[in-house]
Amino acid sequence: MLSWQRFKDYLMENWRVLKVTKRPSKEEFKTIVKVTAIGMAVIGLVGFILIVLKQVFFGGA
């Protein structure tokens, strides 16, 4: 029964957090999407550059 009570407490805590949160406005959502896309593009570009440099300096097939 102890684990059931802990699970119930966990659900209640999550419910409290969900009640406090709010949906982002359209403008906030657009900003979040833009920042996320830029971050993904930067990470991809860095990875691409590293692979190209590896092939140039160490050869590659």
PDB file of N, CA and C in Angstrom:
ATOM      1  N   MET A   1       0.817  -1.207   0.000  1.00  0.00           N
ATOM      2  CA  MET A   1       0.000   0.000   0.000  1.00  0.00           C
ATOM      3  C   MET A   1       0.859   1.269   0.000  1.00  0.00           C
ATOM      4  N   LEU A   2       2.065   1.151   0.494  1.00  0.00           N
ATOM      5  CA  LEU A   2       2.932   2.325   0.530  1.00  0.00           C
ATOM      6  C   LEU A   2       3.230   2.824  -0.875  1.00  0.00           C
ATOM      7  N   SER A   3       3.480   1.911  -1.797  1.00  0.00           N
ATOM      8  CA  SER A   3       3.789   2.338  -3.159  1.00  0.00           C
ATOM      9  C   SER A   3       2.566   2.978  -3.824  1.00  0.00           C
ATOM     10  N   TRP A   4       1.362   2.512  -3.498  1.00  0.00           N
ATOM     11  CA  TRP A   4       0.149   3.120  -4.061  1.00  0.00           C
ATOM     12  C   TRP A   4       0.012   4.554  -3.579  1.00  0.00           C
ATOM     13  N   GLN A   5       0.299   4.802  -2.313  1.00  0.00           N
ATOM     14  CA  GLN A   5       0.204   6.158  -1.763  1.00  0.00           C
ATOM     15  C   GLN A   5       1.245   7.073  -2.410  1.00  0.00           C
ATOM     16  N   ARG A   6       2.443   6.552  -2.615  1.00  0.00           N
ATOM     17  CA  ARG A   6       3.482   7.357  -3.267  1.00  0.00           C
ATOM     18  C   ARG A   6       3.074   7.698  -4.698  1.00  0.00           C
ATOM     19  N   PHE A   7       2.481   6.726  -5.398  1.00  0.00           N
ATOM     20  CA  PHE A   7       2.023   6.969  -6.763  1.00  0.00           C
ATOM     21  C   PHE A   7       0.920   8.016  -6.783  1.00  0.00           C
ATOM     22  N   LYS A   8       0.006   7.926  -5.840  1.00  0.00           N
ATOM     23  CA  LYS A   8      -1.095   8.884  -5.746  1.00  0.00           C
ATOM     24  C   LYS A   8      -0.551  10.290  -5.452  1.00  0.00           C
ATOM     25  N   ASP A   9       0.414  10.373  -4.544  1.00  0.00           N
ATOM     26  CA  ASP A   9       1.030  11.668  -4.233  1.00  0.00           C
ATOM     27  C   ASP A   9       1.742  12.250  -5.457  1.00  0.00           C
ATOM     28  N   TYR A  10       2.387  11.381  -6.212  1.00  0.00           N
ATOM     29  CA  TYR A  10       3.071  11.814  -7.426  1.00  0.00           C
ATOM     30  C   TYR A  10       2.074  12.389  -8.432  1.00  0.00           C
ATOM     31  N   LEU A  11       0.963  11.713  -8.617  1.00  0.00           N
ATOM     32  CA  LEU A  11      -0.062  12.208  -9.537  1.00  0.00           C
ATOM     33  C   LEU A  11      -0.640  13.535  -9.072  1.00  0.00           C
ATOM     34  N   MET A  12      -0.865  13.677  -7.779  1.00  0.00           N
ATOM     35  CA  MET A  12      -1.409  14.930  -7.245  1.00  0.00           C
ATOM     36  C   MET A  12      -0.416  16.081  -7.450  1.00  0.00           C
ATOM     37  N   GLU A  13       0.866  15.802  -7.260  1.00  0.00           N
ATOM     38  CA  GLU A  13       1.878  16.836  -7.467  1.00  0.00           C
ATOM     39  C   GLU A  13       1.915  17.256  -8.938  1.00  0.00           C
ATOM     40  N   ASN A  14       1.842  16.291  -9.839  1.00  0.00           N
ATOM     41  CA  ASN A  14       1.808  16.620 -11.263  1.00  0.00           C
ATOM     42  C   ASN A  14       0.566  17.426 -11.611  1.00  0.00           C
ATOM     43  N   TRP A  15      -0.558  17.092 -11.031  1.00  0.00           N
ATOM     44  CA  TRP A  15      -1.800  17.814 -11.296  1.00  0.00           C
ATOM     45  C   TRP A  15      -1.673  19.277 -10.856  1.00  0.00           C
ATOM     46  N   ARG A  16      -1.040  19.508  -9.701  1.00  0.00           N
ATOM     47  CA  ARG A  16      -0.838  20.881  -9.219  1.00  0.00           C
ATOM     48  C   ARG A  16       0.027  21.681 -10.186  1.00  0.00           C
ATOM     49  N   VAL A  17       1.072  21.043 -10.696  1.00  0.00           N
ATOM     50  CA  VAL A  17       1.946  21.731 -11.640  1.00  0.00           C
ATOM     51  C   VAL A  17       1.179  22.074 -12.919  1.00  0.00           C
ATOM     52  N   LEU A  18       0.388  21.134 -13.417  1.00  0.00           N
ATOM     53  CA  LEU A  18      -0.372  21.382 -14.640  1.00  0.00           C
ATOM     54  C   LEU A  18      -1.397  22.497 -14.461  1.00  0.00           C
ATOM     55  N   LYS A  19      -1.959  22.623 -13.276  1.00  0.00           N
ATOM     56  CA  LYS A  19      -2.929  23.688 -13.028  1.00  0.00           C
ATOM     57  C   LYS A  19      -2.263  25.060 -13.040  1.00  0.00           C
ATOM     58  N   VAL A  20      -0.988  25.121 -12.670  1.00  0.00           N
ATOM     59  CA  VAL A  20      -0.280  26.399 -12.599  1.00  0.00           C
ATOM     60  C   VAL A  20       0.204  26.845 -13.979  1.00  0.00           C
ATOM     61  N   THR A  21       0.538  25.887 -14.831  1.00  0.00           N
ATOM     62  CA  THR A  21       1.094  26.247 -16.138  1.00  0.00           C
ATOM     63  C   THR A  21       0.022  26.850 -17.047  1.00  0.00           C
ATOM     64  N   LYS A  22       0.497  27.529 -18.083  1.00  0.00           N
ATOM     65  CA  LYS A  22      -0.427  28.125 -19.049  1.00  0.00           C
ATOM     66  C   LYS A  22       0.067  27.824 -20.451  1.00  0.00           C
ATOM     67  N   ARG A  23      -0.832  27.902 -21.410  1.00  0.00           N
ATOM     68  CA  ARG A  23      -0.458  27.701 -22.806  1.00  0.00           C
ATOM     69  C   ARG A  23       0.254  28.950 -23.310  1.00  0.00           C
ATOM     70  N   PRO A  24       1.282  28.763 -24.134  1.00  0.00           N
ATOM     71  CA  PRO A  24       1.949  29.944 -24.675  1.00  0.00           C
ATOM     72  C   PRO A  24       1.063  30.639 -25.712  1.00  0.00           C
ATOM     73  N   SER A  25       1.244  31.923 -25.828  1.00  0.00           N
ATOM     74  CA  SER A  25       0.532  32.665 -26.872  1.00  0.00           C
ATOM     75  C   SER A  25       1.130  32.293 -28.234  1.00  0.00           C
ATOM     76  N   LYS A  26       0.468  32.720 -29.298  1.00  0.00           N
ATOM     77  CA  LYS A  26       0.989  32.408 -30.633  1.00  0.00           C
ATOM     78  C   LYS A  26       2.380  33.001 -30.824  1.00  0.00           C
ATOM     79  N   GLU A  27       2.565  34.206 -30.318  1.00  0.00           N
ATOM     80  CA  GLU A  27       3.863  34.866 -30.474  1.00  0.00           C
ATOM     81  C   GLU A  27       4.957  34.118 -29.699  1.00  0.00           C
ATOM     82  N   GLU A  28       4.660  33.708 -28.469  1.00  0.00           N
ATOM     83  CA  GLU A  28       5.625  32.929 -27.690  1.00  0.00           C
ATOM     84  C   GLU A  28       5.942  31.613 -28.391  1.00  0.00           C
ATOM     85  N   PHE A  29       4.927  30.957 -28.917  1.00  0.00           N
ATOM     86  CA  PHE A  29       5.124  29.679 -29.588  1.00  0.00           C
ATOM     87  C   PHE A  29       6.007  29.837 -30.822  1.00  0.00           C
ATOM     88  N   LYS A  30       5.761  30.900 -31.602  1.00  0.00           N
ATOM     89  CA  LYS A  30       6.575  31.153 -32.787  1.00  0.00           C
ATOM     90  C   LYS A  30       8.032  31.389 -32.397  1.00  0.00           C
ATOM     91  N   THR A  31       8.243  32.125 -31.319  1.00  0.00           N
ATOM     92  CA  THR A  31       9.605  32.391 -30.860  1.00  0.00           C
ATOM     93  C   THR A  31      10.291  31.098 -30.430  1.00  0.00           C
ATOM     94  N   ILE A  32       9.578  30.257 -29.712  1.00  0.00           N
ATOM     95  CA  ILE A  32      10.141  28.979 -29.266  1.00  0.00           C
ATOM     96  C   ILE A  32      10.510  28.111 -30.465  1.00  0.00           C
ATOM     97  N   VAL A  33       9.632  28.072 -31.466  1.00  0.00           N
ATOM     98  CA  VAL A  33       9.903  27.267 -32.656  1.00  0.00           C
ATOM     99  C   VAL A  33      11.122  27.807 -33.395  1.00  0.00           C
ATOM    100  N   LYS A  34      11.229  29.129 -33.523  1.00  0.00           N
ATOM    101  CA  LYS A  34      12.367  29.724 -34.215  1.00  0.00           C
ATOM    102  C   LYS A  34      13.682  29.417 -33.495  1.00  0.00           C
ATOM    103  N   VAL A  35      13.690  29.596 -32.188  1.00  0.00           N
ATOM    104  CA  VAL A  35      14.915  29.365 -31.423  1.00  0.00           C
ATOM    105  C   VAL A  35      15.312  27.887 -31.494  1.00  0.00           C
ATOM    106  N   THR A  36      14.332  26.999 -31.414  1.00  0.00           N
ATOM    107  CA  THR A  36      14.617  25.570 -31.501  1.00  0.00           C
ATOM    108  C   THR A  36      15.168  25.208 -32.873  1.00  0.00           C
ATOM    109  N   ALA A  37      14.568  25.748 -33.925  1.00  0.00           N
ATOM    110  CA  ALA A  37      15.037  25.460 -35.285  1.00  0.00           C
ATOM    111  C   ALA A  37      16.457  25.981 -35.495  1.00  0.00           C
ATOM    112  N   ILE A  38      16.740  27.172 -34.993  1.00  0.00           N
ATOM    113  CA  ILE A  38      18.091  27.730 -35.128  1.00  0.00           C
ATOM    114  C   ILE A  38      19.090  26.853 -34.379  1.00  0.00           C
ATOM    115  N   GLY A  39      18.727  26.423 -33.186  1.00  0.00           N
ATOM    116  CA  GLY A  39      19.612  25.551 -32.408  1.00  0.00           C
ATOM    117  C   GLY A  39      19.887  24.237 -33.112  1.00  0.00           C
ATOM    118  N   MET A  40      18.852  23.631 -33.673  1.00  0.00           N
ATOM    119  CA  MET A  40      19.036  22.370 -34.399  1.00  0.00           C
ATOM    120  C   MET A  40      19.910  22.574 -35.631  1.00  0.00           C
ATOM    121  N   ALA A  41      19.703  23.694 -36.338  1.00  0.00           N
ATOM    122  CA  ALA A  41      20.507  23.977 -37.526  1.00  0.00           C
ATOM    123  C   ALA A  41      21.972  24.191 -37.154  1.00  0.00           C
ATOM    124  N   VAL A  42      22.227  24.890 -36.073  1.00  0.00           N
ATOM    125  CA  VAL A  42      23.610  25.141 -35.644  1.00  0.00           C
ATOM    126  C   VAL A  42      24.293  23.821 -35.270  1.00  0.00           C
ATOM    127  N   ILE A  43      23.597  22.981 -34.521  1.00  0.00           N
ATOM    128  CA  ILE A  43      24.177  21.693 -34.133  1.00  0.00           C
ATOM    129  C   ILE A  43      24.446  20.833 -35.367  1.00  0.00           C
ATOM    130  N   GLY A  44      23.507  20.820 -36.314  1.00  0.00           N
ATOM    131  CA  GLY A  44      23.711  20.066 -37.546  1.00  0.00           C
ATOM    132  C   GLY A  44      24.871  20.600 -38.362  1.00  0.00           C
ATOM    133  N   LEU A  45      24.977  21.906 -38.455  1.00  0.00           N
ATOM    134  CA  LEU A  45      26.063  22.534 -39.208  1.00  0.00           C
ATOM    135  C   LEU A  45      27.418  22.219 -38.571  1.00  0.00           C
ATOM    136  N   VAL A  46      27.500  22.280 -37.271  1.00  0.00           N
ATOM    137  CA  VAL A  46      28.757  21.951 -36.586  1.00  0.00           C
ATOM    138  C   VAL A  46      29.137  20.498 -36.868  1.00  0.00           C
ATOM    139  N   GLY A  47      28.172  19.597 -36.782  1.00  0.00           N
ATOM    140  CA  GLY A  47      28.445  18.195 -37.076  1.00  0.00           C
ATOM    141  C   GLY A  47      28.904  17.996 -38.513  1.00  0.00           C
ATOM    142  N   PHE A  48      28.249  18.663 -39.440  1.00  0.00           N
ATOM    143  CA  PHE A  48      28.622  18.564 -40.852  1.00  0.00           C
ATOM    144  C   PHE A  48      30.046  19.069 -41.076  1.00  0.00           C
ATOM    145  N   ILE A  49      30.369  20.213 -40.485  1.00  0.00           N
ATOM    146  CA  ILE A  49      31.711  20.782 -40.644  1.00  0.00           C
ATOM    147  C   ILE A  49      32.756  19.843 -40.059  1.00  0.00           C
ATOM    148  N   LEU A  50      32.470  19.254 -38.919  1.00  0.00           N
ATOM    149  CA  LEU A  50      33.428  18.322 -38.319  1.00  0.00           C
ATOM    150  C   LEU A  50      33.652  17.108 -39.209  1.00  0.00           C
ATOM    151  N   ILE A  51      32.603  16.584 -39.807  1.00  0.00           N
ATOM    152  CA  ILE A  51      32.749  15.424 -40.698  1.00  0.00           C
ATOM    153  C   ILE A  51      33.558  15.803 -41.930  1.00  0.00           C
ATOM    154  N   VAL A  52      33.287  16.971 -42.514  1.00  0.00           N
ATOM    155  CA  VAL A  52      34.034  17.412 -43.693  1.00  0.00           C
ATOM    156  C   VAL A  52      35.509  17.598 -43.336  1.00  0.00           C
ATOM    157  N   LEU A  53      35.793  18.238 -42.206  1.00  0.00           N
ATOM    158  CA  LEU A  53      37.183  18.431 -41.789  1.00  0.00           C
ATOM    159  C   LEU A  53      37.881  17.098 -41.550  1.00  0.00           C
ATOM    160  N   LYS A  54      37.182  16.160 -40.966  1.00  0.00           N
ATOM    161  CA  LYS A  54      37.763  14.830 -40.733  1.00  0.00           C
ATOM    162  C   LYS A  54      38.126  14.169 -42.047  1.00  0.00           C
ATOM    163  N   GLN A  55      37.233  14.272 -43.037  1.00  0.00           N
ATOM    164  CA  GLN A  55      37.507  13.653 -44.332  1.00  0.00           C
ATOM    165  C   GLN A  55      38.650  14.362 -45.061  1.00  0.00           C
ATOM    166  N   VAL A  56      38.718  15.673 -44.920  1.00  0.00           N
ATOM    167  CA  VAL A  56      39.776  16.418 -45.596  1.00  0.00           C
ATOM    168  C   VAL A  56      41.146  16.113 -44.991  1.00  0.00           C
ATOM    169  N   PHE A  57      41.259  16.098 -43.679  1.00  0.00           N
ATOM    170  CA  PHE A  57      42.545  15.930 -43.027  1.00  0.00           C
ATOM    171  C   PHE A  57      42.950  14.483 -42.851  1.00  0.00           C
ATOM    172  N   PHE A  58      42.019  13.581 -42.655  1.00  0.00           N
ATOM    173  CA  PHE A  58      42.364  12.194 -42.383  1.00  0.00           C
ATOM    174  C   PHE A  58      41.955  11.254 -43.514  1.00  0.00           C
ATOM    175  N   GLY A  59      41.452  11.792 -44.579  1.00  0.00           N
ATOM    176  CA  GLY A  59      41.015  10.968 -45.708  1.00  0.00           C
ATOM    177  C   GLY A  59      39.750  10.211 -45.327  1.00  0.00           C
ATOM    178  N   GLY A  60      39.033   9.812 -46.286  1.00  0.00           N
ATOM    179  CA  GLY A  60      37.815   9.090 -46.012  1.00  0.00           C
ATOM    180  C   GLY A  60      37.294   8.460 -47.283  1.00  0.00           C
ATOM    181  N   ALA A  61      36.582   7.411 -47.069  1.00  0.00           N
ATOM    182  CA  ALA A  61      36.032   6.725 -48.240  1.00  0.00           C
ATOM    183  C   ALA A  61      34.549   6.916 -48.312  1.00  0.00           C
TER     184      ALA A  61
END
